[in-house]
């Protein structure tokens, strides 16, 4: 597992539009979010982290629900916007 940059550790708990303050993602969900932001498919993520594709789909579903997002593209945008906010701070 690759190490997480500090901004991702800090910002992924930040609320997205329509979410409650302090949404918590598990370490595995944060890893999945990072790989989604890198543009990987569920199958590629499953191979990278050595999980079943179905398990990855479950993690993606949980992330979308927790962050009140509707697509993988929104997850990637969320991560990149968090990086920009952190860089500005």
Protein backbone atom coordinates (compact mmCIF):
# COMPACT_ATOMS: atom_id res chain seq x y z
CA UNK A 1 0.00 0.00 0.00
CA UNK A 2 1.41 3.39 -0.85
CA UNK A 3 1.74 6.10 1.74
CA UNK A 4 -0.82 8.89 1.76
CA UNK A 5 0.20 12.49 1.24
CA UNK A 6 -0.67 14.62 4.26
CA UNK A 7 -3.34 16.63 2.42
CA UNK A 8 -5.29 13.48 1.63
CA UNK A 9 -5.21 12.37 5.24
CA UNK A 10 -6.49 15.77 6.31
CA UNK A 11 -8.98 16.64 3.59
CA UNK A 12 -10.84 13.44 2.79
CA UNK A 13 -12.66 13.83 6.08
CA UNK A 14 -13.84 17.29 5.01
CA UNK A 15 -17.51 17.52 4.14
CA UNK A 16 -18.63 17.45 0.54
CA UNK A 17 -21.76 19.28 -0.56
CA UNK A 18 -24.76 17.66 1.08
CA UNK A 19 -22.77 15.58 3.57
CA UNK A 20 -22.55 15.81 7.31
CA UNK A 21 -19.49 17.45 8.80
CA UNK A 22 -16.64 15.03 9.52
CA UNK A 23 -17.44 12.16 7.15
CA UNK A 24 -15.07 9.32 7.99
CA UNK A 25 -13.62 6.99 5.40
CA UNK A 26 -11.81 3.81 6.32
CA UNK A 27 -8.16 3.43 5.33
CA UNK A 28 -9.22 1.06 2.55
CA UNK A 29 -11.86 3.51 1.28
CA UNK A 30 -9.24 6.28 1.21
CA UNK A 31 -6.97 3.98 -0.77
CA UNK A 32 -9.78 3.24 -3.24
CA UNK A 33 -10.53 6.98 -3.56
CA UNK A 34 -6.87 7.65 -4.36
CA UNK A 35 -6.87 4.99 -7.07
CA UNK A 36 -10.15 6.29 -8.54
CA UNK A 37 -8.57 9.76 -8.67
CA UNK A 38 -5.64 8.18 -10.55
CA UNK A 39 -8.14 7.00 -13.17
CA UNK A 40 -8.11 3.26 -12.46
CA UNK A 41 -11.11 1.03 -13.19
CA UNK A 42 -12.58 -1.29 -10.56
CA UNK A 43 -10.78 -4.23 -12.16
CA UNK A 44 -7.45 -2.39 -12.12
CA UNK A 45 -7.98 -1.34 -8.51
CA UNK A 46 -8.83 -4.92 -7.55
CA UNK A 47 -5.61 -6.17 -9.13
CA UNK A 48 -3.53 -3.42 -7.51
CA UNK A 49 -4.82 -3.98 -3.97
CA UNK A 50 -5.43 -7.72 -4.37
CA UNK A 51 -9.15 -7.73 -3.72
CA UNK A 52 -12.08 -9.21 -5.60
CA UNK A 53 -13.67 -6.82 -8.09
CA UNK A 54 -16.97 -7.17 -6.21
CA UNK A 55 -15.26 -6.01 -3.01
CA UNK A 56 -13.90 -2.94 -4.80
CA UNK A 57 -17.39 -2.20 -6.12
CA UNK A 58 -18.67 -2.32 -2.53
CA UNK A 59 -15.98 0.10 -1.38
CA UNK A 60 -16.77 2.46 -4.27
CA UNK A 61 -20.47 2.31 -3.39
CA UNK A 62 -19.72 3.11 0.26
CA UNK A 63 -17.49 6.05 -0.70
CA UNK A 64 -20.14 7.49 -3.01
CA UNK A 65 -22.76 7.17 -0.28
CA UNK A 66 -20.58 8.66 2.47
CA UNK A 67 -19.51 11.62 0.35
CA UNK A 68 -22.99 12.10 -1.16
CA UNK A 69 -21.58 11.85 -4.67
CA UNK A 70 -23.04 10.12 -7.72
CA UNK A 71 -20.11 9.12 -9.92
CA UNK A 72 -16.47 8.16 -9.96
CA UNK A 73 -15.75 11.39 -11.82
CA UNK A 74 -17.16 13.35 -8.89
CA UNK A 75 -14.89 11.39 -6.53
CA UNK A 76 -11.85 12.30 -8.62
CA UNK A 77 -12.94 15.95 -8.76
CA UNK A 78 -13.47 15.95 -4.99
CA UNK A 79 -9.91 14.70 -4.42
CA UNK A 80 -8.38 17.21 -6.82
CA UNK A 81 -10.38 20.10 -5.32
CA UNK A 82 -9.24 19.05 -1.85
CA UNK A 83 -5.63 19.15 -3.08
CA UNK A 84 -6.13 22.64 -4.44
CA UNK A 85 -7.71 23.86 -1.18
CA UNK A 86 -4.80 22.39 0.78
CA UNK A 87 -2.25 24.01 -1.52
CA UNK A 88 -3.92 27.40 -1.06
CA UNK A 89 -3.93 27.11 2.74
